[in-house]
PDB file of N, CA and C in Angstrom:
ATOM      1  N   UNK A   1     136.168 -69.994 147.016  1.00  0.00           N
ATOM      2  CA  UNK A   1     135.866 -71.027 147.988  1.00  0.00           C
ATOM      3  C   UNK A   1     137.029 -71.162 148.975  1.00  0.00           C
ATOM      4  N   UNK A   2     136.684 -71.321 150.229  1.00  0.00           N
ATOM      5  CA  UNK A   2     137.699 -71.421 151.271  1.00  0.00           C
ATOM      6  C   UNK A   2     138.494 -72.717 151.142  1.00  0.00           C
ATOM      7  N   UNK A   3     139.784 -72.626 151.427  1.00  0.00           N
ATOM      8  CA  UNK A   3     140.672 -73.792 151.387  1.00  0.00           C
ATOM      9  C   UNK A   3     140.196 -74.848 152.375  1.00  0.00           C
ATOM     10  N   UNK A   4     140.187 -76.092 151.946  1.00  0.00           N
ATOM     11  CA  UNK A   4     139.825 -77.214 152.810  1.00  0.00           C
ATOM     12  C   UNK A   4     141.038 -78.111 152.994  1.00  0.00           C
ATOM     13  N   UNK A   5     141.202 -78.631 154.191  1.00  0.00           N
ATOM     14  CA  UNK A   5     142.319 -79.502 154.512  1.00  0.00           C
ATOM     15  C   UNK A   5     141.797 -80.840 155.028  1.00  0.00           C
ATOM     16  N   UNK A   6     142.492 -81.911 154.667  1.00  0.00           N
ATOM     17  CA  UNK A   6     142.129 -83.229 155.169  1.00  0.00           C
ATOM     18  C   UNK A   6     142.636 -83.378 156.603  1.00  0.00           C
ATOM     19  N   UNK A   7     142.233 -84.458 157.256  1.00  0.00           N
ATOM     20  CA  UNK A   7     142.719 -84.742 158.607  1.00  0.00           C
ATOM     21  C   UNK A   7     144.241 -84.859 158.585  1.00  0.00           C
ATOM     22  N   UNK A   8     144.766 -85.568 157.603  1.00  0.00           N
ATOM     23  CA  UNK A   8     146.220 -85.766 157.511  1.00  0.00           C
ATOM     24  C   UNK A   8     146.947 -84.439 157.318  1.00  0.00           C
ATOM     25  N   UNK A   9     146.446 -83.603 156.410  1.00  0.00           N
ATOM     26  CA  UNK A   9     147.077 -82.304 156.174  1.00  0.00           C
ATOM     27  C   UNK A   9     147.038 -81.438 157.426  1.00  0.00           C
ATOM     28  N   UNK A  10     145.893 -81.417 158.083  1.00  0.00           N
ATOM     29  CA  UNK A  10     145.735 -80.603 159.292  1.00  0.00           C
ATOM     30  C   UNK A  10     146.664 -81.096 160.392  1.00  0.00           C
ATOM     31  N   UNK A  11     146.760 -82.400 160.554  1.00  0.00           N
ATOM     32  CA  UNK A  11     147.660 -82.965 161.565  1.00  0.00           C
ATOM     33  C   UNK A  11     149.102 -82.568 161.291  1.00  0.00           C
ATOM     34  N   UNK A  12     149.502 -82.588 160.025  1.00  0.00           N
ATOM     35  CA  UNK A  12     150.872 -82.187 159.669  1.00  0.00           C
ATOM     36  C   UNK A  12     151.103 -80.708 159.970  1.00  0.00           C
ATOM     37  N   UNK A  13     150.138 -79.866 159.631  1.00  0.00           N
ATOM     38  CA  UNK A  13     150.257 -78.421 159.900  1.00  0.00           C
ATOM     39  C   UNK A  13     150.423 -78.171 161.395  1.00  0.00           C
ATOM     40  N   UNK A  14     149.653 -78.890 162.205  1.00  0.00           N
ATOM     41  CA  UNK A  14     149.653 -78.671 163.655  1.00  0.00           C
ATOM     42  C   UNK A  14     150.759 -79.427 164.385  1.00  0.00           C
ATOM     43  N   UNK A  15     151.348 -80.404 163.719  1.00  0.00           N
ATOM     44  CA  UNK A  15     152.392 -81.197 164.360  1.00  0.00           C
ATOM     45  C   UNK A  15     151.844 -82.171 165.392  1.00  0.00           C
ATOM     46  N   UNK A  16     150.648 -82.696 165.132  1.00  0.00           N
ATOM     47  CA  UNK A  16     150.042 -83.704 166.011  1.00  0.00           C
ATOM     48  C   UNK A  16     149.571 -84.865 165.140  1.00  0.00           C
ATOM     49  N   UNK A  17     149.229 -85.977 165.774  1.00  0.00           N
ATOM     50  CA  UNK A  17     148.686 -87.116 165.046  1.00  0.00           C
ATOM     51  C   UNK A  17     147.215 -86.856 164.712  1.00  0.00           C
ATOM     52  N   UNK A  18     146.751 -87.467 163.631  1.00  0.00           N
ATOM     53  CA  UNK A  18     145.351 -87.338 163.230  1.00  0.00           C
ATOM     54  C   UNK A  18     144.425 -87.821 164.337  1.00  0.00           C
ATOM     55  N   UNK A  19     144.837 -88.841 165.066  1.00  0.00           N
ATOM     56  CA  UNK A  19     144.002 -89.364 166.158  1.00  0.00           C
ATOM     57  C   UNK A  19     143.804 -88.318 167.247  1.00  0.00           C
ATOM     58  N   UNK A  20     144.787 -87.447 167.429  1.00  0.00           N
ATOM     59  CA  UNK A  20     144.669 -86.369 168.418  1.00  0.00           C
ATOM     60  C   UNK A  20     143.574 -85.394 167.990  1.00  0.00           C
ATOM     61  N   UNK A  21     143.553 -85.053 166.711  1.00  0.00           N
ATOM     62  CA  UNK A  21     142.504 -84.153 166.210  1.00  0.00           C
ATOM     63  C   UNK A  21     141.130 -84.756 166.430  1.00  0.00           C
ATOM     64  N   UNK A  22     140.968 -86.029 166.109  1.00  0.00           N
ATOM     65  CA  UNK A  22     139.674 -86.684 166.274  1.00  0.00           C
ATOM     66  C   UNK A  22     139.285 -86.744 167.750  1.00  0.00           C
ATOM     67  N   UNK A  23     140.274 -86.989 168.610  1.00  0.00           N
ATOM     68  CA  UNK A  23     140.021 -87.040 170.053  1.00  0.00           C
ATOM     69  C   UNK A  23     139.577 -85.669 170.569  1.00  0.00           C
ATOM     70  N   UNK A  24     140.302 -84.625 170.192  1.00  0.00           N
ATOM     71  CA  UNK A  24     139.935 -83.280 170.616  1.00  0.00           C
ATOM     72  C   UNK A  24     138.543 -82.926 170.106  1.00  0.00           C
ATOM     73  N   UNK A  25     138.258 -83.287 168.848  1.00  0.00           N
ATOM     74  CA  UNK A  25     136.946 -82.998 168.269  1.00  0.00           C
ATOM     75  C   UNK A  25     135.840 -83.631 169.116  1.00  0.00           C
ATOM     76  N   UNK A  26     136.050 -84.878 169.496  1.00  0.00           N
ATOM     77  CA  UNK A  26     135.031 -85.591 170.279  1.00  0.00           C
ATOM     78  C   UNK A  26     134.923 -85.039 171.697  1.00  0.00           C
ATOM     79  N   UNK A  27     136.048 -84.906 172.375  1.00  0.00           N
ATOM     80  CA  UNK A  27     136.045 -84.475 173.773  1.00  0.00           C
ATOM     81  C   UNK A  27     135.565 -83.037 173.954  1.00  0.00           C
ATOM     82  N   UNK A  28     135.888 -82.181 173.007  1.00  0.00           N
ATOM     83  CA  UNK A  28     135.511 -80.770 173.106  1.00  0.00           C
ATOM     84  C   UNK A  28     134.201 -80.476 172.388  1.00  0.00           C
ATOM     85  N   UNK A  29     133.606 -81.508 171.811  1.00  0.00           N
ATOM     86  CA  UNK A  29     132.332 -81.385 171.095  1.00  0.00           C
ATOM     87  C   UNK A  29     132.394 -80.303 170.016  1.00  0.00           C
ATOM     88  N   UNK A  30     133.467 -80.358 169.227  1.00  0.00           N
ATOM     89  CA  UNK A  30     133.649 -79.391 168.147  1.00  0.00           C
ATOM     90  C   UNK A  30     132.844 -79.826 166.933  1.00  0.00           C
ATOM     91  N   UNK A  31     132.285 -78.870 166.244  1.00  0.00           N
ATOM     92  CA  UNK A  31     131.508 -79.136 165.037  1.00  0.00           C
ATOM     93  C   UNK A  31     132.425 -78.998 163.820  1.00  0.00           C
ATOM     94  N   UNK A  32     132.970 -80.128 163.383  1.00  0.00           N
ATOM     95  CA  UNK A  32     133.878 -80.131 162.238  1.00  0.00           C
ATOM     96  C   UNK A  32     133.069 -80.494 160.992  1.00  0.00           C
ATOM     97  N   UNK A  33     133.347 -79.790 159.911  1.00  0.00           N
ATOM     98  CA  UNK A  33     132.622 -80.004 158.658  1.00  0.00           C
ATOM     99  C   UNK A  33     132.933 -81.379 158.074  1.00  0.00           C
ATOM    100  N   UNK A  34     131.994 -81.860 157.291  1.00  0.00           N
ATOM    101  CA  UNK A  34     132.190 -83.110 156.567  1.00  0.00           C
ATOM    102  C   UNK A  34     131.761 -82.899 155.119  1.00  0.00           C
ATOM    103  N   UNK A  35     132.442 -83.612 154.223  1.00  0.00           N
ATOM    104  CA  UNK A  35     132.079 -83.499 152.809  1.00  0.00           C
ATOM    105  C   UNK A  35     130.928 -84.446 152.477  1.00  0.00           C
ATOM    106  N   UNK A  36     130.606 -84.525 151.226  1.00  0.00           N
ATOM    107  CA  UNK A  36     129.471 -85.339 150.777  1.00  0.00           C
ATOM    108  C   UNK A  36     129.638 -86.820 151.139  1.00  0.00           C
ATOM    109  N   UNK A  37     130.871 -87.276 151.229  1.00  0.00           N
ATOM    110  CA  UNK A  37     131.150 -88.679 151.563  1.00  0.00           C
ATOM    111  C   UNK A  37     131.255 -88.914 153.068  1.00  0.00           C
ATOM    112  N   UNK A  38     131.114 -87.839 153.843  1.00  0.00           N
ATOM    113  CA  UNK A  38     131.190 -87.968 155.294  1.00  0.00           C
ATOM    114  C   UNK A  38     132.587 -87.833 155.869  1.00  0.00           C
ATOM    115  N   UNK A  39     133.562 -87.486 155.020  1.00  0.00           N
ATOM    116  CA  UNK A  39     134.937 -87.319 155.496  1.00  0.00           C
ATOM    117  C   UNK A  39     135.108 -85.930 156.104  1.00  0.00           C
ATOM    118  N   UNK A  40     135.869 -85.879 157.190  1.00  0.00           N
ATOM    119  CA  UNK A  40     136.142 -84.587 157.820  1.00  0.00           C
ATOM    120  C   UNK A  40     136.977 -83.712 156.891  1.00  0.00           C
ATOM    121  N   UNK A  41     136.720 -82.424 156.964  1.00  0.00           N
ATOM    122  CA  UNK A  41     137.634 -81.463 156.360  1.00  0.00           C
ATOM    123  C   UNK A  41     137.705 -80.250 157.282  1.00  0.00           C
ATOM    124  N   UNK A  42     138.850 -79.614 157.246  1.00  0.00           N
ATOM    125  CA  UNK A  42     139.126 -78.502 158.143  1.00  0.00           C
ATOM    126  C   UNK A  42     139.384 -77.241 157.332  1.00  0.00           C
ATOM    127  N   UNK A  43     139.003 -76.117 157.915  1.00  0.00           N
ATOM    128  CA  UNK A  43     139.222 -74.810 157.296  1.00  0.00           C
ATOM    129  C   UNK A  43     140.339 -74.089 158.051  1.00  0.00           C
ATOM    130  N   UNK A  44     140.724 -72.944 157.556  1.00  0.00           N
ATOM    131  CA  UNK A  44     141.712 -72.126 158.253  1.00  0.00           C
ATOM    132  C   UNK A  44     141.245 -71.763 159.655  1.00  0.00           C
ATOM    133  N   UNK A  45     139.948 -71.522 159.792  1.00  0.00           N
ATOM    134  CA  UNK A  45     139.363 -71.212 161.109  1.00  0.00           C
ATOM    135  C   UNK A  45     139.566 -72.389 162.065  1.00  0.00           C
ATOM    136  N   UNK A  46     139.281 -73.598 161.569  1.00  0.00           N
ATOM    137  CA  UNK A  46     139.444 -74.795 162.402  1.00  0.00           C
ATOM    138  C   UNK A  46     140.900 -74.968 162.829  1.00  0.00           C
ATOM    139  N   UNK A  47     141.804 -74.727 161.898  1.00  0.00           N
ATOM    140  CA  UNK A  47     143.233 -74.866 162.217  1.00  0.00           C
ATOM    141  C   UNK A  47     143.637 -73.860 163.284  1.00  0.00           C
ATOM    142  N   UNK A  48     143.150 -72.628 163.162  1.00  0.00           N
ATOM    143  CA  UNK A  48     143.454 -71.619 164.184  1.00  0.00           C
ATOM    144  C   UNK A  48     142.898 -72.035 165.540  1.00  0.00           C
ATOM    145  N   UNK A  49     141.693 -72.588 165.549  1.00  0.00           N
ATOM    146  CA  UNK A  49     141.103 -73.071 166.792  1.00  0.00           C
ATOM    147  C   UNK A  49     141.968 -74.170 167.403  1.00  0.00           C
ATOM    148  N   UNK A  50     142.412 -75.108 166.574  1.00  0.00           N
ATOM    149  CA  UNK A  50     143.268 -76.188 167.073  1.00  0.00           C
ATOM    150  C   UNK A  50     144.620 -75.665 167.560  1.00  0.00           C
ATOM    151  N   UNK A  51     145.144 -74.625 166.917  1.00  0.00           N
ATOM    152  CA  UNK A  51     146.393 -74.014 167.400  1.00  0.00           C
ATOM    153  C   UNK A  51     146.194 -73.430 168.799  1.00  0.00           C
ATOM    154  N   UNK A  52     145.056 -72.794 169.017  1.00  0.00           N
ATOM    155  CA  UNK A  52     144.747 -72.257 170.350  1.00  0.00           C
ATOM    156  C   UNK A  52     144.624 -73.388 171.373  1.00  0.00           C
ATOM    157  N   UNK A  53     143.959 -74.461 171.001  1.00  0.00           N
ATOM    158  CA  UNK A  53     143.806 -75.609 171.892  1.00  0.00           C
ATOM    159  C   UNK A  53     145.165 -76.211 172.206  1.00  0.00           C
ATOM    160  N   UNK A  54     145.992 -76.363 171.186  1.00  0.00           N
ATOM    161  CA  UNK A  54     147.335 -76.936 171.375  1.00  0.00           C
ATOM    162  C   UNK A  54     148.159 -76.075 172.338  1.00  0.00           C
ATOM    163  N   UNK A  55     148.055 -74.759 172.197  1.00  0.00           N
ATOM    164  CA  UNK A  55     148.789 -73.855 173.090  1.00  0.00           C
ATOM    165  C   UNK A  55     148.292 -73.988 174.528  1.00  0.00           C
ATOM    166  N   UNK A  56     146.990 -74.082 174.720  1.00  0.00           N
ATOM    167  CA  UNK A  56     146.448 -74.247 176.070  1.00  0.00           C
ATOM    168  C   UNK A  56     146.894 -75.588 176.674  1.00  0.00           C
ATOM    169  N   UNK A  57     146.947 -76.624 175.842  1.00  0.00           N
ATOM    170  CA  UNK A  57     147.451 -77.922 176.311  1.00  0.00           C
ATOM    171  C   UNK A  57     148.924 -77.791 176.722  1.00  0.00           C
ATOM    172  N   UNK A  58     149.699 -77.063 175.911  1.00  0.00           N
ATOM    173  CA  UNK A  58     151.120 -76.872 176.211  1.00  0.00           C
ATOM    174  C   UNK A  58     151.305 -76.168 177.553  1.00  0.00           C
ATOM    175  N   UNK A  59     150.370 -75.265 177.863  1.00  0.00           N
ATOM    176  CA  UNK A  59     150.424 -74.533 179.131  1.00  0.00           C
ATOM    177  C   UNK A  59     149.920 -75.355 180.309  1.00  0.00           C
ATOM    178  N   UNK A  60     149.466 -76.575 180.044  1.00  0.00           N
ATOM    179  CA  UNK A  60     149.089 -77.470 181.123  1.00  0.00           C
ATOM    180  C   UNK A  60     147.607 -77.609 181.397  1.00  0.00           C
ATOM    181  N   UNK A  61     146.759 -76.967 180.588  1.00  0.00           N
ATOM    182  CA  UNK A  61     145.324 -77.095 180.814  1.00  0.00           C
ATOM    183  C   UNK A  61     144.828 -78.456 180.327  1.00  0.00           C
ATOM    184  N   UNK A  62     143.890 -78.996 181.060  1.00  0.00           N
ATOM    185  CA  UNK A  62     143.265 -80.248 180.656  1.00  0.00           C
ATOM    186  C   UNK A  62     142.106 -79.937 179.720  1.00  0.00           C
ATOM    187  N   UNK A  63     141.703 -80.938 178.947  1.00  0.00           N
ATOM    188  CA  UNK A  63     140.610 -80.727 177.988  1.00  0.00           C
ATOM    189  C   UNK A  63     139.331 -80.276 178.669  1.00  0.00           C
ATOM    190  N   UNK A  64     139.086 -80.740 179.876  1.00  0.00           N
ATOM    191  CA  UNK A  64     137.892 -80.334 180.619  1.00  0.00           C
ATOM    192  C   UNK A  64     137.869 -78.814 180.797  1.00  0.00           C
ATOM    193  N   UNK A  65     139.018 -78.244 181.137  1.00  0.00           N
ATOM    194  CA  UNK A  65     139.116 -76.787 181.317  1.00  0.00           C
ATOM    195  C   UNK A  65     139.036 -76.069 179.971  1.00  0.00           C
ATOM    196  N   UNK A  66     139.676 -76.638 178.962  1.00  0.00           N
ATOM    197  CA  UNK A  66     139.664 -76.024 177.634  1.00  0.00           C
ATOM    198  C   UNK A  66     138.243 -75.996 177.083  1.00  0.00           C
ATOM    199  N   UNK A  67     137.479 -77.059 177.329  1.00  0.00           N
ATOM    200  CA  UNK A  67     136.103 -77.126 176.837  1.00  0.00           C
ATOM    201  C   UNK A  67     135.281 -75.940 177.343  1.00  0.00           C
ATOM    202  N   UNK A  68     135.515 -75.547 178.592  1.00  0.00           N
ATOM    203  CA  UNK A  68     134.803 -74.402 179.155  1.00  0.00           C
ATOM    204  C   UNK A  68     135.227 -73.089 178.497  1.00  0.00           C
ATOM    205  N   UNK A  69     136.450 -73.061 177.952  1.00  0.00           N
ATOM    206  CA  UNK A  69     136.978 -71.847 177.332  1.00  0.00           C
ATOM    207  C   UNK A  69     136.629 -71.720 175.846  1.00  0.00           C
ATOM    208  N   UNK A  70     136.135 -72.787 175.237  1.00  0.00           N
ATOM    209  CA  UNK A  70     135.866 -72.780 173.796  1.00  0.00           C
ATOM    210  C   UNK A  70     134.982 -71.599 173.377  1.00  0.00           C
ATOM    211  N   UNK A  71     133.873 -71.298 174.091  1.00  0.00           N
ATOM    212  CA  UNK A  71     133.071 -70.131 173.664  1.00  0.00           C
ATOM    213  C   UNK A  71     133.875 -68.828 173.638  1.00  0.00           C
ATOM    214  N   UNK A  72     134.748 -68.634 174.608  1.00  0.00           N
ATOM    215  CA  UNK A  72     135.575 -67.422 174.641  1.00  0.00           C
ATOM    216  C   UNK A  72     136.591 -67.432 173.506  1.00  0.00           C
ATOM    217  N   UNK A  73     137.186 -68.585 173.249  1.00  0.00           N
ATOM    218  CA  UNK A  73     138.185 -68.703 172.185  1.00  0.00           C
ATOM    219  C   UNK A  73     137.540 -68.389 170.842  1.00  0.00           C
ATOM    220  N   UNK A  74     136.398 -69.005 170.568  1.00  0.00           N
ATOM    221  CA  UNK A  74     135.742 -68.785 169.281  1.00  0.00           C
ATOM    222  C   UNK A  74     135.241 -67.352 169.139  1.00  0.00           C
ATOM    223  N   UNK A  75     134.802 -66.757 170.237  1.00  0.00           N
ATOM    224  CA  UNK A  75     134.349 -65.358 170.193  1.00  0.00           C
ATOM    225  C   UNK A  75     135.508 -64.429 169.853  1.00  0.00           C
ATOM    226  N   UNK A  76     136.680 -64.718 170.418  1.00  0.00           N
ATOM    227  CA  UNK A  76     137.844 -63.867 170.151  1.00  0.00           C
ATOM    228  C   UNK A  76     138.372 -64.047 168.739  1.00  0.00           C
ATOM    229  N   UNK A  77     138.057 -65.177 168.110  1.00  0.00           N
ATOM    230  CA  UNK A  77     138.509 -65.446 166.746  1.00  0.00           C
ATOM    231  C   UNK A  77     137.594 -64.797 165.704  1.00  0.00           C
ATOM    232  N   UNK A  78     136.394 -64.440 166.106  1.00  0.00           N
ATOM    233  CA  UNK A  78     135.423 -63.889 165.140  1.00  0.00           C
ATOM    234  C   UNK A  78     135.718 -62.449 164.792  1.00  0.00           C
TER     235      UNK A  78
END
């Protein structure tokens, strides 16, 4: 079974606040998994996606521009 990470664990790995992850999820319309209780959990794939998003933010892209790039980012990760 693939490793699952909580919001807190993922935020620590990425070096961002948990609220940032939730904001990015909402603004970019990302499909994040939820467990039986409805709590978010993240996979290694999700973390890699967030690392790509974080890098694009660091380079100065706004979420609006990143949202348009999500299909390309996910395609390159497959």
